[in-house]
Amino acid sequence: MEQILIRNMPGGTKARLAARAAAHRRSMEAEARAILQDALDRDPTSLVDLLAMPESAEIDFEPERLGSTARVADL
């Protein structure tokens, strides 16, 4: 599982996240994950973009997780 530490957030951000998490009946961590996932889902990254990233060596190719489908090439 990957982790991230966010420093230097604008004042009030943590309190707003806590309030939003409480409204959705989940932890602040779960709320932050949901917010990040929603933002990333609205702007999908192509496989080419993923492979061009410096971290691409660490990517496990899972077509279903990436929102892609695997297919056999016609040779």
Protein backbone atom coordinates (compact mmCIF):
# COMPACT_ATOMS: atom_id res chain seq x y z
CA MET A 1 0.00 0.00 0.00
CA GLU A 2 1.32 3.43 -0.90
CA GLN A 3 1.37 6.36 1.51
CA ILE A 4 1.58 10.12 1.21
CA LEU A 5 2.30 12.87 3.72
CA ILE A 6 0.91 16.31 2.95
CA ARG A 7 2.67 19.27 4.53
CA ASN A 8 1.90 22.99 4.61
CA MET A 9 -1.82 22.78 3.93
CA PRO A 10 -3.65 26.11 3.98
CA GLY A 11 -5.22 27.03 7.32
CA GLY A 12 -8.56 25.39 7.97
CA THR A 13 -8.04 22.58 5.47
CA LYS A 14 -7.78 19.86 8.09
CA ALA A 15 -10.91 21.15 9.87
CA ARG A 16 -12.84 21.23 6.58
CA LEU A 17 -11.68 17.70 5.76
CA ALA A 18 -12.78 16.52 9.22
CA ALA A 19 -16.21 18.11 8.76
CA ARG A 20 -16.63 16.60 5.30
CA ALA A 21 -15.53 13.18 6.57
CA ALA A 22 -18.03 13.36 9.42
CA ALA A 23 -20.80 14.29 6.98
CA HIS A 24 -19.96 11.21 4.90
CA ARG A 25 -19.53 9.05 8.01
CA ARG A 26 -15.95 8.04 7.29
CA SER A 27 -12.49 8.77 8.62
CA MET A 28 -10.48 11.76 7.45
CA GLU A 29 -8.09 9.36 5.76
CA ALA A 30 -10.92 7.64 3.88
CA GLU A 31 -12.36 11.02 2.91
CA ALA A 32 -8.99 12.22 1.59
CA ARG A 33 -8.64 9.01 -0.45
CA ALA A 34 -12.15 9.50 -1.88
CA ILE A 35 -11.43 13.12 -2.81
CA LEU A 36 -8.15 12.20 -4.52
CA GLN A 37 -9.69 9.26 -6.36
CA ASP A 38 -12.63 11.38 -7.57
CA ALA A 39 -10.29 14.11 -8.83
CA LEU A 40 -8.08 11.61 -10.63
CA ASP A 41 -11.03 9.76 -12.15
CA ARG A 42 -12.29 13.01 -13.72
CA ASP A 43 -8.96 13.42 -15.54
CA PRO A 44 -7.93 9.92 -16.61
CA THR A 45 -4.27 9.25 -17.29
CA SER A 46 -3.40 7.30 -20.41
CA LEU A 47 -1.19 4.24 -20.32
CA VAL A 48 1.44 6.20 -22.27
CA ASP A 49 1.41 8.92 -19.58
CA LEU A 50 1.74 6.30 -16.84
CA LEU A 51 4.70 4.63 -18.52
CA ALA A 52 6.43 7.98 -19.05
CA MET A 53 6.39 8.75 -15.33
CA PRO A 54 9.63 8.21 -13.37
CA GLU A 55 7.76 5.82 -11.08
CA SER A 56 6.57 3.70 -14.03
CA ALA A 57 8.94 0.87 -13.11
CA GLU A 58 6.82 0.35 -9.98
CA ILE A 59 3.46 0.17 -11.80
CA ASP A 60 1.76 -3.21 -11.73
CA PHE A 61 -0.18 -3.41 -14.96
CA GLU A 62 -3.73 -4.30 -14.01
CA PRO A 63 -5.98 -3.35 -16.95
CA GLU A 64 -9.18 -3.52 -14.89
CA ARG A 65 -7.77 -1.23 -12.19
CA LEU A 66 -6.59 1.28 -14.80
CA GLY A 67 -10.02 1.32 -16.40
CA SER A 68 -8.71 -0.46 -19.50
CA THR A 69 -9.45 -3.80 -20.99
CA ALA A 70 -6.88 -6.32 -22.05
CA ARG A 71 -7.07 -7.78 -25.51
CA VAL A 72 -4.97 -10.14 -27.56
CA ALA A 73 -3.17 -8.57 -30.49
CA ASP A 74 -4.12 -9.85 -33.93
CA LEU A 75 -0.92 -11.16 -35.50
